[in-house]
Amino acid sequence: MKTENHEQWLERVEKLIQVLEGSSIGELELAEGELEITIKRDPGMVLVSAPTVSGPVAIAGAPAPRAQKADTTVAVNAPLTGVYYSAASPSSPSFVNIGETIHVGQVVALVESMKVFNEVVSEVSGRVTALVAKSGDVVQKGAPLIRVEPL
């Protein structure tokens, strides 16, 4: 490609990028002769520079920061991709609730895949600390459904 054609293409692409900045378009393909250009972006993404801090900053009158407690919970994960259900039916009580103690082998949820309901069985004993997935959500294989604090 000749240098002046190359520069014209670059100018056109730069103008298109500027126009796309305020739009909801996520992908644009351009083709002219043998040259093809694809511009892909996430329309919801906003690029900003993060402020930098050179050292610890203390604010007068503010309490000293506390060390964060390490997360010792264990996730009960989805065995396959499908729809997560926290109860056997809409009128049934949930298999588990926050604060309850569960045991190894206990059914804690159902995941429906291809019209088949599969039991989600806990591989850990402990206290339920969080219900990560919401009943009716589509979950991916390996996604955390419940967080448990081991006993």
N, C-alpha and C. Protein backbone atom coordinates (compact mmCIF):
# COMPACT_ATOMS: atom_id res chain seq x y z
N MET A 1 0.84 -1.18 0.00
CA MET A 1 0.00 0.00 0.00
C MET A 1 0.88 1.23 0.00
N LYS A 2 0.50 2.23 -0.79
CA LYS A 2 1.28 3.44 -0.87
C LYS A 2 1.19 4.20 0.45
N THR A 3 2.22 5.00 0.73
CA THR A 3 2.29 5.73 1.98
C THR A 3 1.12 6.69 2.15
N GLU A 4 0.74 7.41 1.07
CA GLU A 4 -0.36 8.37 1.21
C GLU A 4 -1.69 7.65 1.42
N ASN A 5 -1.89 6.49 0.79
CA ASN A 5 -3.10 5.70 1.04
C ASN A 5 -3.11 5.19 2.48
N HIS A 6 -1.95 4.78 2.94
CA HIS A 6 -1.81 4.29 4.32
C HIS A 6 -2.19 5.40 5.30
N GLU A 7 -1.70 6.60 5.07
CA GLU A 7 -1.99 7.74 5.94
C GLU A 7 -3.48 8.09 5.89
N GLN A 8 -4.09 8.00 4.71
CA GLN A 8 -5.52 8.28 4.59
C GLN A 8 -6.33 7.27 5.39
N TRP A 9 -5.95 6.01 5.31
CA TRP A 9 -6.64 4.97 6.08
C TRP A 9 -6.49 5.22 7.57
N LEU A 10 -5.29 5.56 8.00
CA LEU A 10 -5.08 5.84 9.42
C LEU A 10 -5.95 7.00 9.88
N GLU A 11 -6.03 8.05 9.08
CA GLU A 11 -6.86 9.20 9.43
C GLU A 11 -8.34 8.80 9.51
N ARG A 12 -8.79 7.99 8.56
CA ARG A 12 -10.18 7.53 8.56
C ARG A 12 -10.47 6.67 9.78
N VAL A 13 -9.54 5.78 10.12
CA VAL A 13 -9.72 4.91 11.28
C VAL A 13 -9.74 5.75 12.56
N GLU A 14 -8.84 6.71 12.68
CA GLU A 14 -8.81 7.56 13.86
C GLU A 14 -10.12 8.34 14.01
N LYS A 15 -10.66 8.86 12.90
CA LYS A 15 -11.93 9.57 12.96
C LYS A 15 -13.07 8.64 13.38
N LEU A 16 -13.06 7.41 12.85
CA LEU A 16 -14.09 6.44 13.23
C LEU A 16 -14.01 6.10 14.72
N ILE A 17 -12.82 5.96 15.23
CA ILE A 17 -12.64 5.65 16.65
C ILE A 17 -13.20 6.79 17.49
N GLN A 18 -12.96 8.03 17.07
CA GLN A 18 -13.49 9.18 17.80
C GLN A 18 -15.01 9.19 17.77
N VAL A 19 -15.59 8.86 16.62
CA VAL A 19 -17.04 8.82 16.51
C VAL A 19 -17.61 7.70 17.38
N LEU A 20 -16.94 6.55 17.43
CA LEU A 20 -17.43 5.41 18.20
C LEU A 20 -17.36 5.63 19.70
N GLU A 21 -16.52 6.55 20.16
CA GLU A 21 -16.36 6.76 21.60
C GLU A 21 -17.67 7.07 22.30
N GLY A 22 -18.57 7.79 21.68
CA GLY A 22 -19.83 8.13 22.32
C GLY A 22 -20.98 7.25 21.93
N SER A 23 -20.73 6.18 21.19
CA SER A 23 -21.82 5.33 20.72
C SER A 23 -21.88 4.01 21.48
N SER A 24 -22.91 3.23 21.16
CA SER A 24 -23.05 1.91 21.78
C SER A 24 -22.62 0.80 20.84
N ILE A 25 -21.96 1.14 19.74
CA ILE A 25 -21.49 0.15 18.77
C ILE A 25 -20.31 -0.60 19.36
N GLY A 26 -20.34 -1.93 19.29
CA GLY A 26 -19.29 -2.74 19.88
C GLY A 26 -18.28 -3.26 18.87
N GLU A 27 -18.66 -3.34 17.59
CA GLU A 27 -17.74 -3.88 16.59
C GLU A 27 -18.03 -3.23 15.24
N LEU A 28 -16.94 -2.92 14.52
CA LEU A 28 -17.05 -2.30 13.20
C LEU A 28 -16.00 -2.93 12.30
N GLU A 29 -16.43 -3.37 11.11
CA GLU A 29 -15.51 -3.96 10.14
C GLU A 29 -15.46 -3.07 8.91
N LEU A 30 -14.24 -2.79 8.45
CA LEU A 30 -14.02 -1.99 7.26
C LEU A 30 -13.22 -2.82 6.27
N ALA A 31 -13.60 -2.74 4.99
CA ALA A 31 -12.86 -3.45 3.95
C ALA A 31 -12.79 -2.58 2.72
N GLU A 32 -11.61 -2.49 2.15
CA GLU A 32 -11.41 -1.77 0.90
C GLU A 32 -10.29 -2.47 0.15
N GLY A 33 -10.64 -3.11 -0.95
CA GLY A 33 -9.63 -3.87 -1.69
C GLY A 33 -9.14 -5.03 -0.84
N GLU A 34 -7.83 -5.12 -0.70
CA GLU A 34 -7.22 -6.20 0.09
C GLU A 34 -7.11 -5.85 1.56
N LEU A 35 -7.37 -4.60 1.94
CA LEU A 35 -7.21 -4.16 3.32
C LEU A 35 -8.51 -4.33 4.09
N GLU A 36 -8.42 -5.01 5.22
CA GLU A 36 -9.57 -5.21 6.10
C GLU A 36 -9.18 -4.79 7.49
N ILE A 37 -10.05 -4.02 8.15
CA ILE A 37 -9.79 -3.58 9.52
C ILE A 37 -11.04 -3.87 10.34
N THR A 38 -10.85 -4.44 11.52
CA THR A 38 -11.93 -4.69 12.45
C THR A 38 -11.63 -3.94 13.74
N ILE A 39 -12.59 -3.15 14.19
CA ILE A 39 -12.45 -2.42 15.46
C ILE A 39 -13.45 -3.03 16.42
N LYS A 40 -12.96 -3.58 17.52
CA LYS A 40 -13.82 -4.18 18.55
C LYS A 40 -13.60 -3.45 19.85
N ARG A 41 -14.68 -3.22 20.57
CA ARG A 41 -14.57 -2.57 21.87
C ARG A 41 -15.78 -2.92 22.71
N ASP A 42 -15.67 -2.67 23.99
CA ASP A 42 -16.77 -2.85 24.92
C ASP A 42 -17.41 -1.48 25.11
N PRO A 43 -18.63 -1.26 24.59
CA PRO A 43 -19.24 0.06 24.66
C PRO A 43 -19.39 0.58 26.09
N GLY A 44 -19.52 -0.30 27.07
CA GLY A 44 -19.68 0.14 28.45
C GLY A 44 -18.36 0.44 29.13
N MET A 45 -17.25 0.14 28.48
CA MET A 45 -15.94 0.32 29.10
C MET A 45 -15.53 1.79 29.05
N VAL A 46 -15.09 2.28 30.18
CA VAL A 46 -14.59 3.64 30.26
C VAL A 46 -13.16 3.57 30.74
N LEU A 47 -12.26 4.15 29.97
CA LEU A 47 -10.86 4.13 30.34
C LEU A 47 -10.52 5.38 31.13
N VAL A 48 -10.00 5.20 32.31
CA VAL A 48 -9.55 6.31 33.14
C VAL A 48 -8.22 5.93 33.75
N SER A 49 -7.42 6.92 34.04
CA SER A 49 -6.16 6.61 34.71
C SER A 49 -6.38 6.66 36.21
N ALA A 50 -5.80 5.71 36.89
CA ALA A 50 -5.94 5.63 38.34
C ALA A 50 -4.93 6.55 39.00
N PRO A 51 -5.33 7.24 40.06
CA PRO A 51 -4.36 8.09 40.76
C PRO A 51 -3.30 7.23 41.42
N THR A 52 -2.10 7.74 41.47
CA THR A 52 -1.03 7.00 42.11
C THR A 52 -0.71 7.61 43.45
N VAL A 53 -0.40 6.75 44.39
CA VAL A 53 -0.03 7.18 45.74
C VAL A 53 1.37 6.66 46.00
N SER A 54 2.24 7.54 46.43
CA SER A 54 3.64 7.15 46.59
C SER A 54 3.91 6.42 47.89
N GLY A 55 3.08 6.55 48.87
CA GLY A 55 3.32 5.88 50.14
C GLY A 55 2.04 5.88 50.96
N PRO A 56 2.10 5.40 52.21
CA PRO A 56 0.90 5.38 53.03
C PRO A 56 0.41 6.79 53.30
N VAL A 57 -0.90 6.94 53.25
CA VAL A 57 -1.49 8.24 53.49
C VAL A 57 -2.34 8.13 54.74
N ALA A 58 -2.14 9.03 55.70
CA ALA A 58 -2.92 9.04 56.93
C ALA A 58 -3.83 10.25 56.91
N ILE A 59 -5.08 10.04 57.28
CA ILE A 59 -6.04 11.13 57.35
C ILE A 59 -6.23 11.46 58.82
N ALA A 60 -6.08 12.73 59.16
CA ALA A 60 -6.20 13.15 60.55
C ALA A 60 -7.58 12.82 61.07
N GLY A 61 -7.64 12.23 62.23
CA GLY A 61 -8.90 11.89 62.88
C GLY A 61 -9.51 10.59 62.42
N ALA A 62 -8.95 9.96 61.41
CA ALA A 62 -9.49 8.69 60.91
C ALA A 62 -8.89 7.54 61.70
N PRO A 63 -9.69 6.52 61.99
CA PRO A 63 -9.15 5.36 62.70
C PRO A 63 -8.13 4.63 61.84
N ALA A 64 -7.19 3.97 62.50
CA ALA A 64 -6.16 3.22 61.78
C ALA A 64 -6.82 2.07 61.04
N PRO A 65 -6.38 1.76 59.82
CA PRO A 65 -6.99 0.66 59.07
C PRO A 65 -6.76 -0.67 59.77
N ARG A 66 -7.82 -1.51 59.74
CA ARG A 66 -7.70 -2.83 60.34
C ARG A 66 -7.25 -3.83 59.28
N ALA A 67 -6.51 -4.80 59.71
CA ALA A 67 -6.09 -5.86 58.78
C ALA A 67 -7.33 -6.66 58.40
N GLN A 68 -7.47 -6.96 57.10
CA GLN A 68 -8.61 -7.72 56.67
C GLN A 68 -8.43 -9.19 57.02
N LYS A 69 -9.51 -9.79 57.47
CA LYS A 69 -9.50 -11.20 57.83
C LYS A 69 -9.45 -12.02 56.54
N ALA A 70 -8.58 -13.00 56.50
CA ALA A 70 -8.46 -13.86 55.32
C ALA A 70 -9.75 -14.66 55.14
N ASP A 71 -10.19 -14.80 53.90
CA ASP A 71 -11.39 -15.56 53.60
C ASP A 71 -11.07 -17.05 53.69
N THR A 72 -11.65 -17.70 54.67
CA THR A 72 -11.39 -19.13 54.87
C THR A 72 -12.56 -19.99 54.40
N THR A 73 -13.54 -19.35 53.74
CA THR A 73 -14.70 -20.12 53.30
C THR A 73 -14.36 -20.94 52.06
N VAL A 74 -15.15 -21.98 51.86
CA VAL A 74 -14.98 -22.89 50.72
C VAL A 74 -16.25 -22.81 49.89
N ALA A 75 -16.09 -22.82 48.59
CA ALA A 75 -17.25 -22.74 47.70
C ALA A 75 -17.78 -24.12 47.36
N VAL A 76 -19.11 -24.22 47.30
CA VAL A 76 -19.76 -25.40 46.72
C VAL A 76 -20.09 -24.95 45.31
N ASN A 77 -19.48 -25.60 44.32
CA ASN A 77 -19.57 -25.16 42.92
C ASN A 77 -20.59 -25.94 42.12
N ALA A 78 -21.04 -25.31 41.04
CA ALA A 78 -21.98 -25.97 40.13
C ALA A 78 -21.28 -27.12 39.42
N PRO A 79 -21.85 -28.31 39.42
CA PRO A 79 -21.22 -29.45 38.75
C PRO A 79 -21.35 -29.39 37.23
N LEU A 80 -22.29 -28.59 36.72
CA LEU A 80 -22.49 -28.45 35.28
C LEU A 80 -23.20 -27.13 35.01
N THR A 81 -23.25 -26.74 33.75
CA THR A 81 -23.93 -25.51 33.36
C THR A 81 -25.43 -25.78 33.30
N GLY A 82 -26.22 -24.88 33.87
CA GLY A 82 -27.67 -25.03 33.85
C GLY A 82 -28.33 -23.98 34.71
N VAL A 83 -29.60 -24.20 35.01
CA VAL A 83 -30.38 -23.27 35.84
C VAL A 83 -30.31 -23.74 37.29
N TYR A 84 -29.92 -22.81 38.17
CA TYR A 84 -29.75 -23.10 39.60
C TYR A 84 -31.09 -22.95 40.33
N TYR A 85 -31.39 -23.92 41.19
CA TYR A 85 -32.58 -23.84 42.03
C TYR A 85 -32.18 -24.11 43.48
N SER A 86 -32.62 -23.24 44.38
CA SER A 86 -32.27 -23.39 45.80
C SER A 86 -33.26 -24.28 46.54
N ALA A 87 -34.36 -24.67 45.87
CA ALA A 87 -35.37 -25.53 46.49
C ALA A 87 -35.88 -26.52 45.45
N ALA A 88 -36.52 -27.60 45.93
CA ALA A 88 -37.03 -28.64 45.04
C ALA A 88 -38.20 -28.14 44.20
N SER A 89 -38.98 -27.19 44.74
CA SER A 89 -40.09 -26.59 44.01
C SER A 89 -40.32 -25.19 44.57
N PRO A 90 -41.05 -24.35 43.86
CA PRO A 90 -41.27 -22.99 44.35
C PRO A 90 -41.96 -22.93 45.71
N SER A 91 -42.75 -23.95 46.04
CA SER A 91 -43.46 -23.94 47.33
C SER A 91 -42.68 -24.67 48.43
N SER A 92 -41.56 -25.30 48.09
CA SER A 92 -40.75 -26.02 49.07
C SER A 92 -39.75 -25.07 49.73
N PRO A 93 -39.35 -25.40 50.97
CA PRO A 93 -38.31 -24.57 51.60
C PRO A 93 -36.96 -24.79 50.92
N SER A 94 -36.07 -23.83 51.06
CA SER A 94 -34.72 -23.93 50.48
C SER A 94 -33.98 -25.12 51.08
N PHE A 95 -33.09 -25.71 50.28
CA PHE A 95 -32.28 -26.81 50.78
C PHE A 95 -31.40 -26.34 51.94
N VAL A 96 -30.81 -25.14 51.81
CA VAL A 96 -29.97 -24.58 52.87
C VAL A 96 -30.23 -23.08 52.98
N ASN A 97 -29.93 -22.53 54.16
CA ASN A 97 -30.04 -21.10 54.42
C ASN A 97 -28.76 -20.63 55.09
N ILE A 98 -28.52 -19.33 55.03
CA ILE A 98 -27.34 -18.75 55.67
C ILE A 98 -27.40 -19.04 57.17
N GLY A 99 -26.27 -19.49 57.71
CA GLY A 99 -26.17 -19.80 59.13
C GLY A 99 -26.40 -21.26 59.47
N GLU A 100 -26.98 -22.01 58.56
CA GLU A 100 -27.23 -23.43 58.81
C GLU A 100 -25.95 -24.24 58.65
N THR A 101 -25.89 -25.36 59.35
CA THR A 101 -24.76 -26.27 59.23
C THR A 101 -25.11 -27.35 58.22
N ILE A 102 -24.16 -27.60 57.31
CA ILE A 102 -24.37 -28.66 56.32
C ILE A 102 -23.29 -29.71 56.48
N HIS A 103 -23.52 -30.88 55.91
CA HIS A 103 -22.61 -32.02 56.04
C HIS A 103 -22.21 -32.54 54.67
N VAL A 104 -21.11 -33.25 54.61
CA VAL A 104 -20.64 -33.87 53.36
C VAL A 104 -21.73 -34.81 52.85
N GLY A 105 -22.04 -34.72 51.57
CA GLY A 105 -23.05 -35.58 50.97
C GLY A 105 -24.46 -35.02 51.01
N GLN A 106 -24.66 -33.90 51.69
CA GLN A 106 -25.98 -33.31 51.79
C GLN A 106 -26.33 -32.57 50.50
N VAL A 107 -27.56 -32.74 50.02
CA VAL A 107 -28.03 -32.02 48.84
C VAL A 107 -28.26 -30.56 49.25
N VAL A 108 -27.60 -29.64 48.52
CA VAL A 108 -27.70 -28.23 48.87
C VAL A 108 -28.39 -27.40 47.79
N ALA A 109 -28.60 -27.98 46.60
CA ALA A 109 -29.25 -27.26 45.50
C ALA A 109 -29.53 -28.22 44.36
N LEU A 110 -30.20 -27.70 43.33
CA LEU A 110 -30.44 -28.43 42.09
C LEU A 110 -29.94 -27.58 40.92
N VAL A 111 -29.42 -28.24 39.89
CA VAL A 111 -29.08 -27.55 38.65
C VAL A 111 -29.78 -28.32 37.54
N GLU A 112 -30.66 -27.59 36.80
CA GLU A 112 -31.40 -28.20 35.70
C GLU A 112 -30.63 -27.98 34.41
N SER A 113 -30.40 -29.06 33.71
CA SER A 113 -29.71 -29.00 32.42
C SER A 113 -30.37 -30.00 31.49
N MET A 114 -30.80 -29.54 30.33
CA MET A 114 -31.44 -30.39 29.33
C MET A 114 -32.65 -31.13 29.91
N LYS A 115 -33.47 -30.40 30.67
CA LYS A 115 -34.71 -30.92 31.28
C LYS A 115 -34.47 -31.98 32.35
N VAL A 116 -33.21 -32.10 32.82
CA VAL A 116 -32.89 -33.06 33.88
C VAL A 116 -32.43 -32.27 35.10
N PHE A 117 -33.00 -32.60 36.27
CA PHE A 117 -32.60 -31.94 37.51
C PHE A 117 -31.49 -32.74 38.16
N ASN A 118 -30.34 -32.08 38.38
CA ASN A 118 -29.17 -32.73 38.97
C ASN A 118 -28.96 -32.18 40.37
N GLU A 119 -28.78 -33.08 41.33
CA GLU A 119 -28.54 -32.65 42.71
C GLU A 119 -27.13 -32.12 42.85
N VAL A 120 -27.00 -31.02 43.61
CA VAL A 120 -25.69 -30.48 43.96
C VAL A 120 -25.44 -30.93 45.39
N VAL A 121 -24.39 -31.73 45.56
CA VAL A 121 -24.07 -32.34 46.85
C VAL A 121 -22.84 -31.65 47.43
N SER A 122 -22.91 -31.33 48.72
CA SER A 122 -21.79 -30.66 49.38
C SER A 122 -20.63 -31.62 49.56
N GLU A 123 -19.43 -31.11 49.31
CA GLU A 123 -18.21 -31.89 49.52
C GLU A 123 -17.50 -31.44 50.79
N VAL A 124 -18.15 -30.57 51.57
CA VAL A 124 -17.55 -30.04 52.79
C VAL A 124 -18.62 -29.90 53.86
N SER A 125 -18.22 -30.11 55.12
CA SER A 125 -19.10 -29.86 56.25
C SER A 125 -18.78 -28.48 56.80
N GLY A 126 -19.81 -27.75 57.21
CA GLY A 126 -19.56 -26.44 57.78
C GLY A 126 -20.82 -25.61 57.84
N ARG A 127 -20.61 -24.31 58.14
CA ARG A 127 -21.71 -23.36 58.29
C ARG A 127 -21.83 -22.55 57.00
N VAL A 128 -23.03 -22.44 56.46
CA VAL A 128 -23.28 -21.67 55.25
C VAL A 128 -23.12 -20.18 55.57
N THR A 129 -22.22 -19.51 54.84
CA THR A 129 -21.98 -18.09 55.08
C THR A 129 -22.57 -17.20 53.99
N ALA A 130 -22.79 -17.75 52.80
CA ALA A 130 -23.34 -16.95 51.70
C ALA A 130 -24.00 -17.83 50.67
N LEU A 131 -25.11 -17.34 50.13
CA LEU A 131 -25.77 -17.97 49.00
C LEU A 131 -25.41 -17.09 47.80
N VAL A 132 -24.43 -17.52 47.03
CA VAL A 132 -23.87 -16.71 45.95
C VAL A 132 -24.84 -16.60 44.78
N ALA A 133 -25.37 -17.72 44.33
CA ALA A 133 -26.28 -17.74 43.18
C ALA A 133 -27.71 -17.49 43.66
N LYS A 134 -28.51 -16.93 42.78
CA LYS A 134 -29.91 -16.67 43.07
C LYS A 134 -30.74 -17.72 42.33
N SER A 135 -31.75 -18.25 42.98
CA SER A 135 -32.59 -19.28 42.38
C SER A 135 -33.17 -18.79 41.05
N GLY A 136 -33.01 -19.62 40.01
CA GLY A 136 -33.48 -19.26 38.68
C GLY A 136 -32.38 -18.73 37.77
N ASP A 137 -31.20 -18.44 38.34
CA ASP A 137 -30.07 -17.95 37.55
C ASP A 137 -29.46 -19.08 36.73
N VAL A 138 -28.94 -18.73 35.56
CA VAL A 138 -28.14 -19.68 34.78
C VAL A 138 -26.73 -19.63 35.34
N VAL A 139 -26.19 -20.77 35.71
CA VAL A 139 -24.84 -20.85 36.28
C VAL A 139 -23.95 -21.68 35.37
N GLN A 140 -22.68 -21.35 35.36
CA GLN A 140 -21.70 -22.08 34.55
C GLN A 140 -21.07 -23.18 35.40
N LYS A 141 -20.59 -24.22 34.75
CA LYS A 141 -19.89 -25.29 35.44
C LYS A 141 -18.71 -24.70 36.21
N GLY A 142 -18.62 -25.04 37.49
CA GLY A 142 -17.53 -24.56 38.33
C GLY A 142 -17.81 -23.24 39.03
N ALA A 143 -18.94 -22.61 38.72
CA ALA A 143 -19.28 -21.33 39.37
C ALA A 143 -19.69 -21.58 40.81
N PRO A 144 -19.28 -20.70 41.74
CA PRO A 144 -19.66 -20.89 43.14
C PRO A 144 -21.16 -20.66 43.34
N LEU A 145 -21.81 -21.55 44.06
CA LEU A 145 -23.23 -21.44 44.36
C LEU A 145 -23.44 -21.02 45.81
N ILE A 146 -22.64 -21.63 46.70
CA ILE A 146 -22.77 -21.42 48.14
C ILE A 146 -21.37 -21.32 48.73
N ARG A 147 -21.19 -20.47 49.74
CA ARG A 147 -19.91 -20.39 50.46
C ARG A 147 -20.13 -20.99 51.84
N VAL A 148 -19.17 -21.83 52.25
CA VAL A 148 -19.28 -22.56 53.52
C VAL A 148 -18.02 -22.34 54.33
N GLU A 149 -18.20 -22.08 55.62
CA GLU A 149 -17.07 -21.99 56.54
C GLU A 149 -16.87 -23.38 57.15
N PRO A 150 -15.78 -24.04 56.80
CA PRO A 150 -15.57 -25.42 57.28
C PRO A 150 -15.54 -25.50 58.81
N LEU A 151 -16.03 -26.63 59.31
CA LEU A 151 -16.00 -26.86 60.78
C LEU A 151 -14.72 -27.54 61.18
